């Protein structure tokens, strides 16, 4: 079980009480474990990461189809274009989608 608090020391000095209330031992508790917070932050970022991946994958398909190249070559073209423009690959992918994607789809 993970317990979260907004303060880093919220559970300091309370390990035994919390363990007893939860039916565990204080010796087995992991103190100041960042894993819980890291996991929560990663989960909170998941929707944006999925959207970024969708944009990249769709752009690669559009580029590959338009230029009749494989997806690896499409990635290289997208990456080079993004670098020249001084933007991220995701921003370039979103531009590709905006310019090339059929609005009906």
C-alpha atoms as a PDB file:
ATOM      1  CA  UNK A   1       0.000   0.000   0.000  1.00  0.00           C
ATOM      2  CA  UNK A   2       1.212   3.481  -0.810  1.00  0.00           C
ATOM      3  CA  UNK A   3       0.416   6.462   1.344  1.00  0.00           C
ATOM      4  CA  UNK A   4       0.748   9.955  -0.095  1.00  0.00           C
ATOM      5  CA  UNK A   5       1.070  13.277   1.659  1.00  0.00           C
ATOM      6  CA  UNK A   6       1.657  16.808   0.487  1.00  0.00           C
ATOM      7  CA  UNK A   7       4.506  17.299   2.963  1.00  0.00           C
ATOM      8  CA  UNK A   8       7.761  15.304   2.811  1.00  0.00           C
ATOM      9  CA  UNK A   9       7.789  14.686   6.586  1.00  0.00           C
ATOM     10  CA  UNK A  10       4.048  14.077   7.045  1.00  0.00           C
ATOM     11  CA  UNK A  11       4.614  10.549   8.372  1.00  0.00           C
ATOM     12  CA  UNK A  12       7.796  11.217  10.374  1.00  0.00           C
ATOM     13  CA  UNK A  13       7.554   9.701  13.824  1.00  0.00           C
ATOM     14  CA  UNK A  14       4.262   8.010  12.991  1.00  0.00           C
ATOM     15  CA  UNK A  15       5.511   4.833  11.327  1.00  0.00           C
ATOM     16  CA  UNK A  16       4.590   2.519  14.179  1.00  0.00           C
ATOM     17  CA  UNK A  17       1.089   4.028  14.553  1.00  0.00           C
ATOM     18  CA  UNK A  18       0.435   3.838  10.819  1.00  0.00           C
ATOM     19  CA  UNK A  19       1.787   0.297  10.579  1.00  0.00           C
ATOM     20  CA  UNK A  20      -0.403  -0.826  13.466  1.00  0.00           C
ATOM     21  CA  UNK A  21      -3.478   0.835  11.970  1.00  0.00           C
ATOM     22  CA  UNK A  22      -2.813  -0.869   8.653  1.00  0.00           C
ATOM     23  CA  UNK A  23      -1.864  -4.252  10.098  1.00  0.00           C
ATOM     24  CA  UNK A  24       1.800  -4.124   9.041  1.00  0.00           C
ATOM     25  CA  UNK A  25       5.136  -3.747  10.789  1.00  0.00           C
ATOM     26  CA  UNK A  26       6.994  -0.458  11.013  1.00  0.00           C
ATOM     27  CA  UNK A  27      10.241  -2.291  10.230  1.00  0.00           C
ATOM     28  CA  UNK A  28       8.892  -3.278   6.822  1.00  0.00           C
ATOM     29  CA  UNK A  29       7.835   0.267   5.925  1.00  0.00           C
ATOM     30  CA  UNK A  30       9.884   2.099   3.345  1.00  0.00           C
ATOM     31  CA  UNK A  31      10.481   5.651   4.435  1.00  0.00           C
ATOM     32  CA  UNK A  32      10.799   8.537   1.999  1.00  0.00           C
ATOM     33  CA  UNK A  33      10.352   6.280  -0.998  1.00  0.00           C
ATOM     34  CA  UNK A  34      10.059   8.414  -4.088  1.00  0.00           C
ATOM     35  CA  UNK A  35       8.739   5.515  -6.138  1.00  0.00           C
ATOM     36  CA  UNK A  36       5.143   6.258  -5.191  1.00  0.00           C
ATOM     37  CA  UNK A  37       5.387   9.877  -6.233  1.00  0.00           C
ATOM     38  CA  UNK A  38       7.323   9.015  -9.382  1.00  0.00           C
ATOM     39  CA  UNK A  39       4.705   6.446 -10.315  1.00  0.00           C
ATOM     40  CA  UNK A  40       1.895   8.919  -9.693  1.00  0.00           C
ATOM     41  CA  UNK A  41       3.627  11.611 -11.766  1.00  0.00           C
ATOM     42  CA  UNK A  42       4.259   9.152 -14.570  1.00  0.00           C
ATOM     43  CA  UNK A  43       0.613   8.101 -14.530  1.00  0.00           C
ATOM     44  CA  UNK A  44      -0.492  11.743 -14.619  1.00  0.00           C
ATOM     45  CA  UNK A  45       1.658  12.289 -17.723  1.00  0.00           C
ATOM     46  CA  UNK A  46       0.329   9.204 -19.508  1.00  0.00           C
ATOM     47  CA  UNK A  47      -2.516  10.872 -21.453  1.00  0.00           C
ATOM     48  CA  UNK A  48      -0.143  13.480 -22.895  1.00  0.00           C
ATOM     49  CA  UNK A  49       2.437  10.821 -23.747  1.00  0.00           C
ATOM     50  CA  UNK A  50      -0.208   8.746 -25.511  1.00  0.00           C
ATOM     51  CA  UNK A  51      -1.316  11.824 -27.477  1.00  0.00           C
ATOM     52  CA  UNK A  52       2.298  12.580 -28.429  1.00  0.00           C
ATOM     53  CA  UNK A  53       2.844   8.992 -29.545  1.00  0.00           C
ATOM     54  CA  UNK A  54      -0.385   9.039 -31.570  1.00  0.00           C
ATOM     55  CA  UNK A  55       0.712  12.279 -33.256  1.00  0.00           C
ATOM     56  CA  UNK A  56       4.157  10.858 -34.051  1.00  0.00           C
ATOM     57  CA  UNK A  57       2.825   7.548 -35.384  1.00  0.00           C
ATOM     58  CA  UNK A  58       0.166   9.236 -37.521  1.00  0.00           C
ATOM     59  CA  UNK A  59       2.680  11.732 -38.915  1.00  0.00           C
ATOM     60  CA  UNK A  60       5.090   8.915 -39.778  1.00  0.00           C
ATOM     61  CA  UNK A  61       2.322   7.115 -41.649  1.00  0.00           C
ATOM     62  CA  UNK A  62       1.426  10.302 -43.543  1.00  0.00           C
ATOM     63  CA  UNK A  63       5.048  11.065 -44.446  1.00  0.00           C
ATOM     64  CA  UNK A  64       5.759   7.483 -45.496  1.00  0.00           C
ATOM     65  CA  UNK A  65       2.660   7.380 -47.681  1.00  0.00           C
ATOM     66  CA  UNK A  66       3.239  10.788 -49.261  1.00  0.00           C
ATOM     67  CA  UNK A  67       6.917  10.143 -50.074  1.00  0.00           C
ATOM     68  CA  UNK A  68       6.559   6.384 -50.657  1.00  0.00           C
ATOM     69  CA  UNK A  69       9.234   5.592 -48.086  1.00  0.00           C
ATOM     70  CA  UNK A  70       9.430   3.275 -45.082  1.00  0.00           C
ATOM     71  CA  UNK A  71       8.676   4.462 -41.558  1.00  0.00           C
ATOM     72  CA  UNK A  72      12.345   4.581 -40.544  1.00  0.00           C
ATOM     73  CA  UNK A  73      13.071   6.953 -43.407  1.00  0.00           C
ATOM     74  CA  UNK A  74       9.943   8.915 -42.490  1.00  0.00           C
ATOM     75  CA  UNK A  75      11.233   9.259 -38.919  1.00  0.00           C
ATOM     76  CA  UNK A  76      14.601  10.489 -40.173  1.00  0.00           C
ATOM     77  CA  UNK A  77      12.882  13.044 -42.409  1.00  0.00           C
ATOM     78  CA  UNK A  78      10.635  14.215 -39.573  1.00  0.00           C
ATOM     79  CA  UNK A  79      13.541  14.466 -37.138  1.00  0.00           C
ATOM     80  CA  UNK A  80      15.726  16.393 -39.605  1.00  0.00           C
ATOM     81  CA  UNK A  81      12.881  18.786 -40.401  1.00  0.00           C
ATOM     82  CA  UNK A  82      12.217  19.387 -36.713  1.00  0.00           C
ATOM     83  CA  UNK A  83      15.890  20.098 -36.051  1.00  0.00           C
ATOM     84  CA  UNK A  84      16.076  22.565 -38.942  1.00  0.00           C
ATOM     85  CA  UNK A  85      12.951  24.318 -37.694  1.00  0.00           C
ATOM     86  CA  UNK A  86      14.205  24.349 -34.096  1.00  0.00           C
ATOM     87  CA  UNK A  87      11.174  22.504 -32.772  1.00  0.00           C
ATOM     88  CA  UNK A  88      10.567  19.134 -31.165  1.00  0.00           C
ATOM     89  CA  UNK A  89       9.730  16.066 -33.207  1.00  0.00           C
ATOM     90  CA  UNK A  90       6.290  16.069 -31.574  1.00  0.00           C
ATOM     91  CA  UNK A  91       5.658  19.666 -32.675  1.00  0.00           C
ATOM     92  CA  UNK A  92       6.763  18.750 -36.193  1.00  0.00           C
ATOM     93  CA  UNK A  93       4.503  15.700 -36.148  1.00  0.00           C
ATOM     94  CA  UNK A  94       1.552  17.850 -35.121  1.00  0.00           C
ATOM     95  CA  UNK A  95       2.321  20.241 -37.976  1.00  0.00           C
ATOM     96  CA  UNK A  96       2.460  17.317 -40.406  1.00  0.00           C
ATOM     97  CA  UNK A  97      -0.887  16.067 -39.150  1.00  0.00           C
ATOM     98  CA  UNK A  98      -2.418  19.520 -39.502  1.00  0.00           C
ATOM     99  CA  UNK A  99      -1.102  19.942 -43.047  1.00  0.00           C
ATOM    100  CA  UNK A 100      -1.493  16.432 -44.448  1.00  0.00           C
ATOM    101  CA  UNK A 101      -4.252  14.654 -42.583  1.00  0.00           C
ATOM    102  CA  UNK A 102      -7.598  14.331 -44.277  1.00  0.00           C
ATOM    103  CA  UNK A 103     -10.096  16.336 -42.204  1.00  0.00           C
ATOM    104  CA  UNK A 104     -12.753  13.718 -42.959  1.00  0.00           C
ATOM    105  CA  UNK A 105     -10.828  10.997 -41.109  1.00  0.00           C
END
